[in-house]
C-alpha atoms as a PDB file:
ATOM      1  CA  UNK A   1      -0.103   0.007   0.215  1.00  0.00           C
ATOM      2  CA  UNK A   2       1.512   3.256  -1.277  1.00  0.00           C
ATOM      3  CA  UNK A   3       1.393   6.550   0.750  1.00  0.00           C
ATOM      4  CA  UNK A   4      -0.955   8.972  -1.227  1.00  0.00           C
ATOM      5  CA  UNK A   5       0.246  12.043   1.385  1.00  0.00           C
ATOM      6  CA  UNK A   6       2.460  14.792  -0.984  1.00  0.00           C
ATOM      7  CA  UNK A   7       5.548  15.239  -0.167  1.00  0.00           C
ATOM      8  CA  UNK A   8       6.360  19.012   0.769  1.00  0.00           C
ATOM      9  CA  UNK A   9       8.012  21.284  -2.071  1.00  0.00           C
ATOM     10  CA  UNK A  10      11.958  21.048  -2.054  1.00  0.00           C
ATOM     11  CA  UNK A  11      13.088  23.829   0.452  1.00  0.00           C
ATOM     12  CA  UNK A  12       9.539  24.942   1.706  1.00  0.00           C
ATOM     13  CA  UNK A  13      10.746  23.765   5.442  1.00  0.00           C
ATOM     14  CA  UNK A  14      13.118  26.549   5.131  1.00  0.00           C
ATOM     15  CA  UNK A  15      10.679  29.372   4.462  1.00  0.00           C
ATOM     16  CA  UNK A  16       9.580  30.308   7.975  1.00  0.00           C
ATOM     17  CA  UNK A  17      13.832  30.381   8.712  1.00  0.00           C
ATOM     18  CA  UNK A  18      13.818  32.652   5.801  1.00  0.00           C
ATOM     19  CA  UNK A  19      11.308  34.830   7.154  1.00  0.00           C
ATOM     20  CA  UNK A  20      12.623  35.099  10.333  1.00  0.00           C
ATOM     21  CA  UNK A  21      15.680  36.011   9.004  1.00  0.00           C
ATOM     22  CA  UNK A  22      14.519  38.943   6.635  1.00  0.00           C
ATOM     23  CA  UNK A  23      12.768  40.310   9.503  1.00  0.00           C
ATOM     24  CA  UNK A  24      15.394  40.293  11.989  1.00  0.00           C
ATOM     25  CA  UNK A  25      17.613  42.670   9.314  1.00  0.00           C
ATOM     26  CA  UNK A  26      14.823  44.786   9.056  1.00  0.00           C
ATOM     27  CA  UNK A  27      14.690  45.303  12.563  1.00  0.00           C
ATOM     28  CA  UNK A  28      18.681  45.859  12.618  1.00  0.00           C
ATOM     29  CA  UNK A  29      19.013  48.293   9.692  1.00  0.00           C
ATOM     30  CA  UNK A  30      19.176  52.018  10.726  1.00  0.00           C
ATOM     31  CA  UNK A  31      15.972  53.687  10.371  1.00  0.00           C
ATOM     32  CA  UNK A  32      15.442  56.008   7.417  1.00  0.00           C
ATOM     33  CA  UNK A  33      17.390  59.454   8.001  1.00  0.00           C
ATOM     34  CA  UNK A  34      14.694  62.206   8.114  1.00  0.00           C
ATOM     35  CA  UNK A  35      14.715  64.822   5.833  1.00  0.00           C
ATOM     36  CA  UNK A  36      16.768  68.148   7.234  1.00  0.00           C
ATOM     37  CA  UNK A  37      14.732  70.971   8.668  1.00  0.00           C
ATOM     38  CA  UNK A  38      16.210  73.710   7.112  1.00  0.00           C
ATOM     39  CA  UNK A  39      13.433  76.303   8.822  1.00  0.00           C
ATOM     40  CA  UNK A  40      15.512  75.550  12.224  1.00  0.00           C
ATOM     41  CA  UNK A  41      18.412  77.730  11.333  1.00  0.00           C
ATOM     42  CA  UNK A  42      20.227  79.634   8.873  1.00  0.00           C
ATOM     43  CA  UNK A  43      23.380  78.139   9.623  1.00  0.00           C
ATOM     44  CA  UNK A  44      24.044  74.315   9.535  1.00  0.00           C
ATOM     45  CA  UNK A  45      27.428  72.375  10.071  1.00  0.00           C
ATOM     46  CA  UNK A  46      27.850  68.814   8.015  1.00  0.00           C
ATOM     47  CA  UNK A  47      28.699  66.090  10.428  1.00  0.00           C
ATOM     48  CA  UNK A  48      30.575  63.042   9.053  1.00  0.00           C
ATOM     49  CA  UNK A  49      27.430  60.348   9.644  1.00  0.00           C
ATOM     50  CA  UNK A  50      25.933  62.341   7.175  1.00  0.00           C
ATOM     51  CA  UNK A  51      23.555  64.727   9.268  1.00  0.00           C
ATOM     52  CA  UNK A  52      23.427  68.561   9.151  1.00  0.00           C
ATOM     53  CA  UNK A  53      23.602  70.304  12.490  1.00  0.00           C
ATOM     54  CA  UNK A  54      21.621  73.160  12.962  1.00  0.00           C
ATOM     55  CA  UNK A  55      24.217  76.543  14.392  1.00  0.00           C
ATOM     56  CA  UNK A  56      21.844  78.838  16.353  1.00  0.00           C
ATOM     57  CA  UNK A  57      24.089  81.650  16.559  1.00  0.00           C
ATOM     58  CA  UNK A  58      26.990  82.029  14.007  1.00  0.00           C
ATOM     59  CA  UNK A  59      30.751  83.326  15.394  1.00  0.00           C
ATOM     60  CA  UNK A  60      30.749  86.135  12.665  1.00  0.00           C
ATOM     61  CA  UNK A  61      32.320  89.458  12.498  1.00  0.00           C
ATOM     62  CA  UNK A  62      30.228  92.343  11.313  1.00  0.00           C
ATOM     63  CA  UNK A  63      30.555  93.336   7.866  1.00  0.00           C
ATOM     64  CA  UNK A  64      31.529  96.953   8.756  1.00  0.00           C
ATOM     65  CA  UNK A  65      34.599  95.905  11.140  1.00  0.00           C
ATOM     66  CA  UNK A  66      36.176  94.199   7.954  1.00  0.00           C
ATOM     67  CA  UNK A  67      38.852  96.758   7.094  1.00  0.00           C
ATOM     68  CA  UNK A  68      41.672  96.689   4.350  1.00  0.00           C
ATOM     69  CA  UNK A  69      39.388  94.298   2.010  1.00  0.00           C
ATOM     70  CA  UNK A  70      37.147  96.228   0.270  1.00  0.00           C
ATOM     71  CA  UNK A  71      37.237  94.858  -3.034  1.00  0.00           C
ATOM     72  CA  UNK A  72      37.102  91.406  -2.354  1.00  0.00           C
ATOM     73  CA  UNK A  73      34.505  91.983  -0.061  1.00  0.00           C
ATOM     74  CA  UNK A  74      32.317  93.618  -2.769  1.00  0.00           C
ATOM     75  CA  UNK A  75      33.313  91.142  -5.430  1.00  0.00           C
ATOM     76  CA  UNK A  76      31.639  88.192  -2.705  1.00  0.00           C
ATOM     77  CA  UNK A  77      29.014  90.126  -2.121  1.00  0.00           C
ATOM     78  CA  UNK A  78      27.794  90.512  -5.527  1.00  0.00           C
ATOM     79  CA  UNK A  79      28.340  87.099  -6.368  1.00  0.00           C
ATOM     80  CA  UNK A  80      26.599  85.697  -3.679  1.00  0.00           C
ATOM     81  CA  UNK A  81      23.772  88.191  -3.750  1.00  0.00           C
ATOM     82  CA  UNK A  82      23.171  87.119  -7.324  1.00  0.00           C
ATOM     83  CA  UNK A  83      22.843  83.638  -6.619  1.00  0.00           C
ATOM     84  CA  UNK A  84      20.601  84.421  -3.365  1.00  0.00           C
ATOM     85  CA  UNK A  85      18.629  85.635  -6.432  1.00  0.00           C
ATOM     86  CA  UNK A  86      18.303  82.792  -8.368  1.00  0.00           C
ATOM     87  CA  UNK A  87      21.137  84.413 -11.016  1.00  0.00           C
ATOM     88  CA  UNK A  88      24.205  82.607 -12.468  1.00  0.00           C
ATOM     89  CA  UNK A  89      27.603  82.930  -9.969  1.00  0.00           C
ATOM     90  CA  UNK A  90      30.761  81.223  -9.701  1.00  0.00           C
ATOM     91  CA  UNK A  91      32.450  78.997  -6.909  1.00  0.00           C
ATOM     92  CA  UNK A  92      34.974  81.152  -4.877  1.00  0.00           C
ATOM     93  CA  UNK A  93      38.036  80.444  -3.714  1.00  0.00           C
ATOM     94  CA  UNK A  94      39.466  82.768  -1.200  1.00  0.00           C
ATOM     95  CA  UNK A  95      43.563  82.232  -0.718  1.00  0.00           C
ATOM     96  CA  UNK A  96      46.275  84.074   0.959  1.00  0.00           C
ATOM     97  CA  UNK A  97      47.406  85.652   4.001  1.00  0.00           C
ATOM     98  CA  UNK A  98      46.403  84.110   7.167  1.00  0.00           C
ATOM     99  CA  UNK A  99      44.322  86.230   9.529  1.00  0.00           C
ATOM    100  CA  UNK A 100      42.776  88.477   6.813  1.00  0.00           C
ATOM    101  CA  UNK A 101      39.315  87.945   7.241  1.00  0.00           C
ATOM    102  CA  UNK A 102      38.927  85.294   4.730  1.00  0.00           C
ATOM    103  CA  UNK A 103      36.411  83.008   6.707  1.00  0.00           C
ATOM    104  CA  UNK A 104      35.050  85.940   8.236  1.00  0.00           C
ATOM    105  CA  UNK A 105      34.012  87.580   5.170  1.00  0.00           C
ATOM    106  CA  UNK A 106      32.118  84.625   3.878  1.00  0.00           C
ATOM    107  CA  UNK A 107      29.814  84.463   7.143  1.00  0.00           C
ATOM    108  CA  UNK A 108      29.494  88.324   7.066  1.00  0.00           C
ATOM    109  CA  UNK A 109      28.647  88.510   3.867  1.00  0.00           C
ATOM    110  CA  UNK A 110      25.787  85.543   4.297  1.00  0.00           C
ATOM    111  CA  UNK A 111      24.407  87.511   7.091  1.00  0.00           C
ATOM    112  CA  UNK A 112      24.079  90.938   5.606  1.00  0.00           C
ATOM    113  CA  UNK A 113      22.559  89.651   2.488  1.00  0.00           C
ATOM    114  CA  UNK A 114      19.651  87.891   4.756  1.00  0.00           C
ATOM    115  CA  UNK A 115      19.527  91.294   6.629  1.00  0.00           C
ATOM    116  CA  UNK A 116      18.301  93.028   3.860  1.00  0.00           C
ATOM    117  CA  UNK A 117      15.249  90.852   4.116  1.00  0.00           C
ATOM    118  CA  UNK A 118      14.255  91.088   0.045  1.00  0.00           C
ATOM    119  CA  UNK A 119      14.839  87.548  -0.445  1.00  0.00           C
ATOM    120  CA  UNK A 120      11.761  84.631  -0.917  1.00  0.00           C
ATOM    121  CA  UNK A 121      13.250  82.564   1.396  1.00  0.00           C
ATOM    122  CA  UNK A 122      16.608  83.114   3.544  1.00  0.00           C
ATOM    123  CA  UNK A 123      19.932  81.923   2.315  1.00  0.00           C
ATOM    124  CA  UNK A 124      21.441  79.289   4.166  1.00  0.00           C
ATOM    125  CA  UNK A 125      25.238  78.560   5.099  1.00  0.00           C
ATOM    126  CA  UNK A 126      26.217  74.886   5.336  1.00  0.00           C
ATOM    127  CA  UNK A 127      30.126  74.426   6.874  1.00  0.00           C
ATOM    128  CA  UNK A 128      31.833  71.166   5.473  1.00  0.00           C
ATOM    129  CA  UNK A 129      35.128  70.169   7.506  1.00  0.00           C
ATOM    130  CA  UNK A 130      38.118  69.993   5.556  1.00  0.00           C
ATOM    131  CA  UNK A 131      38.450  66.250   6.937  1.00  0.00           C
ATOM    132  CA  UNK A 132      34.857  65.712   5.625  1.00  0.00           C
ATOM    133  CA  UNK A 133      35.448  66.614   2.177  1.00  0.00           C
ATOM    134  CA  UNK A 134      34.890  62.975   0.815  1.00  0.00           C
ATOM    135  CA  UNK A 135      31.033  63.396   1.897  1.00  0.00           C
ATOM    136  CA  UNK A 136      30.142  66.482  -0.357  1.00  0.00           C
ATOM    137  CA  UNK A 137      28.904  64.852  -3.229  1.00  0.00           C
ATOM    138  CA  UNK A 138      26.450  63.243  -0.298  1.00  0.00           C
ATOM    139  CA  UNK A 139      25.753  66.436   1.085  1.00  0.00           C
ATOM    140  CA  UNK A 140      24.955  68.053  -2.657  1.00  0.00           C
ATOM    141  CA  UNK A 141      22.865  65.137  -2.610  1.00  0.00           C
ATOM    142  CA  UNK A 142      20.969  66.184   0.354  1.00  0.00           C
ATOM    143  CA  UNK A 143      20.673  69.722  -0.385  1.00  0.00           C
ATOM    144  CA  UNK A 144      19.256  69.339  -4.602  1.00  0.00           C
ATOM    145  CA  UNK A 145      15.726  68.673  -3.584  1.00  0.00           C
ATOM    146  CA  UNK A 146      15.371  71.658  -1.599  1.00  0.00           C
ATOM    147  CA  UNK A 147      13.609  74.672  -2.473  1.00  0.00           C
ATOM    148  CA  UNK A 148      16.236  77.038  -0.157  1.00  0.00           C
ATOM    149  CA  UNK A 149      19.720  78.477  -1.768  1.00  0.00           C
ATOM    150  CA  UNK A 150      22.521  76.857   0.020  1.00  0.00           C
ATOM    151  CA  UNK A 151      26.694  78.115   0.333  1.00  0.00           C
ATOM    152  CA  UNK A 152      28.509  75.339   0.994  1.00  0.00           C
ATOM    153  CA  UNK A 153      31.471  76.479   2.788  1.00  0.00           C
ATOM    154  CA  UNK A 154      35.024  75.060   3.499  1.00  0.00           C
ATOM    155  CA  UNK A 155      37.638  76.523   5.870  1.00  0.00           C
ATOM    156  CA  UNK A 156      41.003  76.134   5.558  1.00  0.00           C
ATOM    157  CA  UNK A 157      40.823  73.996   2.441  1.00  0.00           C
ATOM    158  CA  UNK A 158      44.258  72.276   1.189  1.00  0.00           C
ATOM    159  CA  UNK A 159      45.525  69.015   0.086  1.00  0.00           C
ATOM    160  CA  UNK A 160      48.826  67.067   0.942  1.00  0.00           C
ATOM    161  CA  UNK A 161      50.719  64.044  -0.456  1.00  0.00           C
ATOM    162  CA  UNK A 162      48.636  60.720  -0.641  1.00  0.00           C
ATOM    163  CA  UNK A 163      45.474  62.680   0.115  1.00  0.00           C
ATOM    164  CA  UNK A 164      43.070  61.523  -2.934  1.00  0.00           C
ATOM    165  CA  UNK A 165      39.872  63.472  -1.325  1.00  0.00           C
ATOM    166  CA  UNK A 166      40.408  66.323  -3.889  1.00  0.00           C
ATOM    167  CA  UNK A 167      38.598  63.956  -6.272  1.00  0.00           C
ATOM    168  CA  UNK A 168      35.240  64.177  -4.412  1.00  0.00           C
ATOM    169  CA  UNK A 169      35.718  68.093  -4.403  1.00  0.00           C
ATOM    170  CA  UNK A 170      36.377  67.893  -8.170  1.00  0.00           C
ATOM    171  CA  UNK A 171      33.271  65.710  -8.796  1.00  0.00           C
ATOM    172  CA  UNK A 172      31.348  67.756  -6.748  1.00  0.00           C
ATOM    173  CA  UNK A 173      32.293  71.031  -8.270  1.00  0.00           C
ATOM    174  CA  UNK A 174      31.548  69.791 -11.407  1.00  0.00           C
ATOM    175  CA  UNK A 175      28.620  67.922 -10.584  1.00  0.00           C
ATOM    176  CA  UNK A 176      29.011  64.672 -12.791  1.00  0.00           C
ATOM    177  CA  UNK A 177      26.089  63.594 -15.053  1.00  0.00           C
ATOM    178  CA  UNK A 178      23.874  65.434 -13.185  1.00  0.00           C
ATOM    179  CA  UNK A 179      25.744  68.670 -13.023  1.00  0.00           C
ATOM    180  CA  UNK A 180      26.357  71.033  -9.561  1.00  0.00           C
ATOM    181  CA  UNK A 181      22.906  71.816  -8.128  1.00  0.00           C
ATOM    182  CA  UNK A 182      21.499  75.082  -9.333  1.00  0.00           C
ATOM    183  CA  UNK A 183      20.647  75.877  -5.693  1.00  0.00           C
ATOM    184  CA  UNK A 184      24.231  75.037  -4.297  1.00  0.00           C
ATOM    185  CA  UNK A 185      27.527  77.340  -4.633  1.00  0.00           C
ATOM    186  CA  UNK A 186      30.768  76.481  -3.194  1.00  0.00           C
ATOM    187  CA  UNK A 187      33.026  78.796  -1.085  1.00  0.00           C
ATOM    188  CA  UNK A 188      36.437  77.834   0.333  1.00  0.00           C
ATOM    189  CA  UNK A 189      39.322  79.321   2.140  1.00  0.00           C
ATOM    190  CA  UNK A 190      42.953  78.532   1.854  1.00  0.00           C
ATOM    191  CA  UNK A 191      46.334  79.620   2.343  1.00  0.00           C
ATOM    192  CA  UNK A 192      47.272  78.085  -0.936  1.00  0.00           C
ATOM    193  CA  UNK A 193      46.372  79.336  -4.365  1.00  0.00           C
ATOM    194  CA  UNK A 194      46.026  76.170  -5.881  1.00  0.00           C
ATOM    195  CA  UNK A 195      45.150  74.147  -2.862  1.00  0.00           C
ATOM    196  CA  UNK A 196      48.113  71.442  -2.934  1.00  0.00           C
ATOM    197  CA  UNK A 197      51.658  72.210  -1.363  1.00  0.00           C
ATOM    198  CA  UNK A 198      54.569  73.109  -3.815  1.00  0.00           C
ATOM    199  CA  UNK A 199      56.514  69.926  -2.999  1.00  0.00           C
ATOM    200  CA  UNK A 200      53.481  67.810  -3.735  1.00  0.00           C
ATOM    201  CA  UNK A 201      53.061  68.941  -7.147  1.00  0.00           C
ATOM    202  CA  UNK A 202      57.173  68.496  -7.806  1.00  0.00           C
ATOM    203  CA  UNK A 203      56.811  64.943  -6.396  1.00  0.00           C
ATOM    204  CA  UNK A 204      54.038  64.771  -9.149  1.00  0.00           C
ATOM    205  CA  UNK A 205      56.252  66.499 -11.731  1.00  0.00           C
ATOM    206  CA  UNK A 206      59.586  64.030 -10.881  1.00  0.00           C
ATOM    207  CA  UNK A 207      57.846  60.672 -10.763  1.00  0.00           C
ATOM    208  CA  UNK A 208      55.126  60.853 -13.508  1.00  0.00           C
ATOM    209  CA  UNK A 209      55.484  59.302 -17.284  1.00  0.00           C
ATOM    210  CA  UNK A 210      54.053  62.722 -18.396  1.00  0.00           C
ATOM    211  CA  UNK A 211      54.933  65.233 -15.799  1.00  0.00           C
ATOM    212  CA  UNK A 212      52.894  67.739 -17.153  1.00  0.00           C
ATOM    213  CA  UNK A 213      49.698  65.943 -17.334  1.00  0.00           C
ATOM    214  CA  UNK A 214      50.208  64.855 -13.721  1.00  0.00           C
ATOM    215  CA  UNK A 215      50.484  68.451 -12.188  1.00  0.00           C
ATOM    216  CA  UNK A 216      47.891  69.466 -14.577  1.00  0.00           C
ATOM    217  CA  UNK A 217      44.805  67.048 -13.153  1.00  0.00           C
ATOM    218  CA  UNK A 218      45.775  68.006  -9.527  1.00  0.00           C
ATOM    219  CA  UNK A 219      46.013  72.038 -10.299  1.00  0.00           C
ATOM    220  CA  UNK A 220      43.004  72.024 -12.539  1.00  0.00           C
ATOM    221  CA  UNK A 221      41.163  71.772  -8.950  1.00  0.00           C
ATOM    222  CA  UNK A 222      41.446  75.508  -8.824  1.00  0.00           C
ATOM    223  CA  UNK A 223      39.944  75.911 -12.017  1.00  0.00           C
ATOM    224  CA  UNK A 224      36.647  74.696 -10.934  1.00  0.00           C
ATOM    225  CA  UNK A 225      36.283  78.098  -9.050  1.00  0.00           C
ATOM    226  CA  UNK A 226      35.356  80.975 -11.093  1.00  0.00           C
ATOM    227  CA  UNK A 227      36.092  83.231  -8.980  1.00  0.00           C
ATOM    228  CA  UNK A 228      39.571  83.666  -7.318  1.00  0.00           C
ATOM    229  CA  UNK A 229      39.819  86.734  -4.830  1.00  0.00           C
ATOM    230  CA  UNK A 230      43.559  86.816  -3.044  1.00  0.00           C
ATOM    231  CA  UNK A 231      44.212  88.351   0.531  1.00  0.00           C
ATOM    232  CA  UNK A 232      47.479  89.802   0.931  1.00  0.00           C
ATOM    233  CA  UNK A 233      49.262  91.040   4.576  1.00  0.00           C
ATOM    234  CA  UNK A 234      48.067  94.390   5.304  1.00  0.00           C
ATOM    235  CA  UNK A 235      50.119  97.873   5.644  1.00  0.00           C
ATOM    236  CA  UNK A 236      50.512  99.352   9.070  1.00  0.00           C
ATOM    237  CA  UNK A 237      47.579 101.967   8.182  1.00  0.00           C
ATOM    238  CA  UNK A 238      45.162  99.354   7.539  1.00  0.00           C
ATOM    239  CA  UNK A 239      45.745  97.550  10.522  1.00  0.00           C
ATOM    240  CA  UNK A 240      45.636 100.671  12.880  1.00  0.00           C
ATOM    241  CA  UNK A 241      42.218 101.214  11.143  1.00  0.00           C
ATOM    242  CA  UNK A 242      41.248  97.816  12.182  1.00  0.00           C
ATOM    243  CA  UNK A 243      41.821  98.644  15.339  1.00  0.00           C
ATOM    244  CA  UNK A 244      40.325 102.145  15.576  1.00  0.00           C
ATOM    245  CA  UNK A 245      37.222 100.414  14.194  1.00  0.00           C
ATOM    246  CA  UNK A 246      36.917  97.798  16.916  1.00  0.00           C
ATOM    247  CA  UNK A 247      37.496 100.883  19.567  1.00  0.00           C
ATOM    248  CA  UNK A 248      34.617 102.363  18.197  1.00  0.00           C
ATOM    249  CA  UNK A 249      32.157  99.512  17.552  1.00  0.00           C
ATOM    250  CA  UNK A 250      32.498  98.300  21.468  1.00  0.00           C
ATOM    251  CA  UNK A 251      33.045 101.861  22.879  1.00  0.00           C
ATOM    252  CA  UNK A 252      36.429 101.255  24.471  1.00  0.00           C
ATOM    253  CA  UNK A 253      37.518 103.830  26.535  1.00  0.00           C
ATOM    254  CA  UNK A 254      41.486 104.445  25.314  1.00  0.00           C
ATOM    255  CA  UNK A 255      43.717 107.393  24.762  1.00  0.00           C
ATOM    256  CA  UNK A 256      44.856 107.690  21.321  1.00  0.00           C
ATOM    257  CA  UNK A 257      48.499 107.960  21.554  1.00  0.00           C
ATOM    258  CA  UNK A 258      48.230 104.597  24.291  1.00  0.00           C
ATOM    259  CA  UNK A 259      45.896 102.794  21.638  1.00  0.00           C
ATOM    260  CA  UNK A 260      48.458 103.474  18.758  1.00  0.00           C
ATOM    261  CA  UNK A 261      51.703 102.459  20.806  1.00  0.00           C
ATOM    262  CA  UNK A 262      50.308  99.305  22.306  1.00  0.00           C
ATOM    263  CA  UNK A 263      48.530  98.273  19.157  1.00  0.00           C
ATOM    264  CA  UNK A 264      51.598  98.391  17.218  1.00  0.00           C
ATOM    265  CA  UNK A 265      53.691  96.693  19.881  1.00  0.00           C
ATOM    266  CA  UNK A 266      51.272  93.797  19.714  1.00  0.00           C
ATOM    267  CA  UNK A 267      51.915  93.342  16.073  1.00  0.00           C
ATOM    268  CA  UNK A 268      55.318  93.586  16.379  1.00  0.00           C
ATOM    269  CA  UNK A 269      56.083  91.107  18.848  1.00  0.00           C
ATOM    270  CA  UNK A 270      53.904  88.784  17.085  1.00  0.00           C
ATOM    271  CA  UNK A 271      55.218  89.219  13.709  1.00  0.00           C
ATOM    272  CA  UNK A 272      52.081  89.784  12.003  1.00  0.00           C
ATOM    273  CA  UNK A 273      49.330  92.532  10.874  1.00  0.00           C
ATOM    274  CA  UNK A 274      46.479  91.315  10.319  1.00  0.00           C
ATOM    275  CA  UNK A 275      42.619  91.204  11.221  1.00  0.00           C
ATOM    276  CA  UNK A 276      42.992  88.562  13.428  1.00  0.00           C
ATOM    277  CA  UNK A 277      45.995  90.304  15.342  1.00  0.00           C
ATOM    278  CA  UNK A 278      43.758  93.359  15.865  1.00  0.00           C
ATOM    279  CA  UNK A 279      41.327  91.510  17.243  1.00  0.00           C
ATOM    280  CA  UNK A 280      43.483  89.829  19.684  1.00  0.00           C
ATOM    281  CA  UNK A 281      44.725  92.806  20.859  1.00  0.00           C
ATOM    282  CA  UNK A 282      41.508  94.455  21.054  1.00  0.00           C
ATOM    283  CA  UNK A 283      40.428  91.413  23.321  1.00  0.00           C
ATOM    284  CA  UNK A 284      43.425  91.856  25.555  1.00  0.00           C
ATOM    285  CA  UNK A 285      42.807  95.644  25.667  1.00  0.00           C
ATOM    286  CA  UNK A 286      38.582  95.440  26.913  1.00  0.00           C
ATOM    287  CA  UNK A 287      40.064  92.389  29.584  1.00  0.00           C
ATOM    288  CA  UNK A 288      42.283  95.019  30.959  1.00  0.00           C
ATOM    289  CA  UNK A 289      39.665  97.861  30.609  1.00  0.00           C
ATOM    290  CA  UNK A 290      37.179  95.474  32.291  1.00  0.00           C
ATOM    291  CA  UNK A 291      34.693  95.760  29.510  1.00  0.00           C
ATOM    292  CA  UNK A 292      32.843  93.560  27.720  1.00  0.00           C
ATOM    293  CA  UNK A 293      32.784  92.748  24.031  1.00  0.00           C
ATOM    294  CA  UNK A 294      28.748  92.470  23.493  1.00  0.00           C
END
């Protein structure tokens, strides 16, 4: 007598196990990251895990206190304002002497444009740190569908030997097949005009089969910035004008002769005249006077 009970389908006894595995994988998977709330602030910092952290209060200097960089200030302001209004504008590289207000200018321009109150939506500032530059394409993907317009800003950007993350920057600035998002512009500050150390470029030239092409690939990174703004060391008169502007802004009570002598001594002992040096002196002066810089 034969058994008429149908035999199970091959592998059917594994189906419950596979379903349990699939359910476990779904529970283990991280939840979908919520879209950024761009109404939370006008400035954000890109985090390496792929999150935008709102910055409720930006550390910035007022536009009127930035002295000795009038031409660069006007050019960057005009470029940014055109972009904020939906008109064509260029990525910008602010390069040159340390402490001359490159990053301060970017933040001041952003604040000044929003303060005018003429935009349909406020302009957003997003800072990405140098060490997170490889996440720039992902950041562009986050910003592309949003109706706001964004200035993506990287301070003190440069690349050293064996550092290939510059390729992520080139890809983001070119935008690949999609092109750079219309609502994003990229601003960077650097002490180097070409973003690369001179010895790095010389090494490329000496070891490559075609030295010209090897160097050209890396130097061409700077070509992605349509706007180059050079910042140079300030003169003594410009340095003292910065000091006077800060003293007037914060109503510091000090004799002009004493102010001049101390300010010049301060710059001499530090071997530099710059906006940063001027503000450091003002902080020291205000502390000695018992006055706050509010």
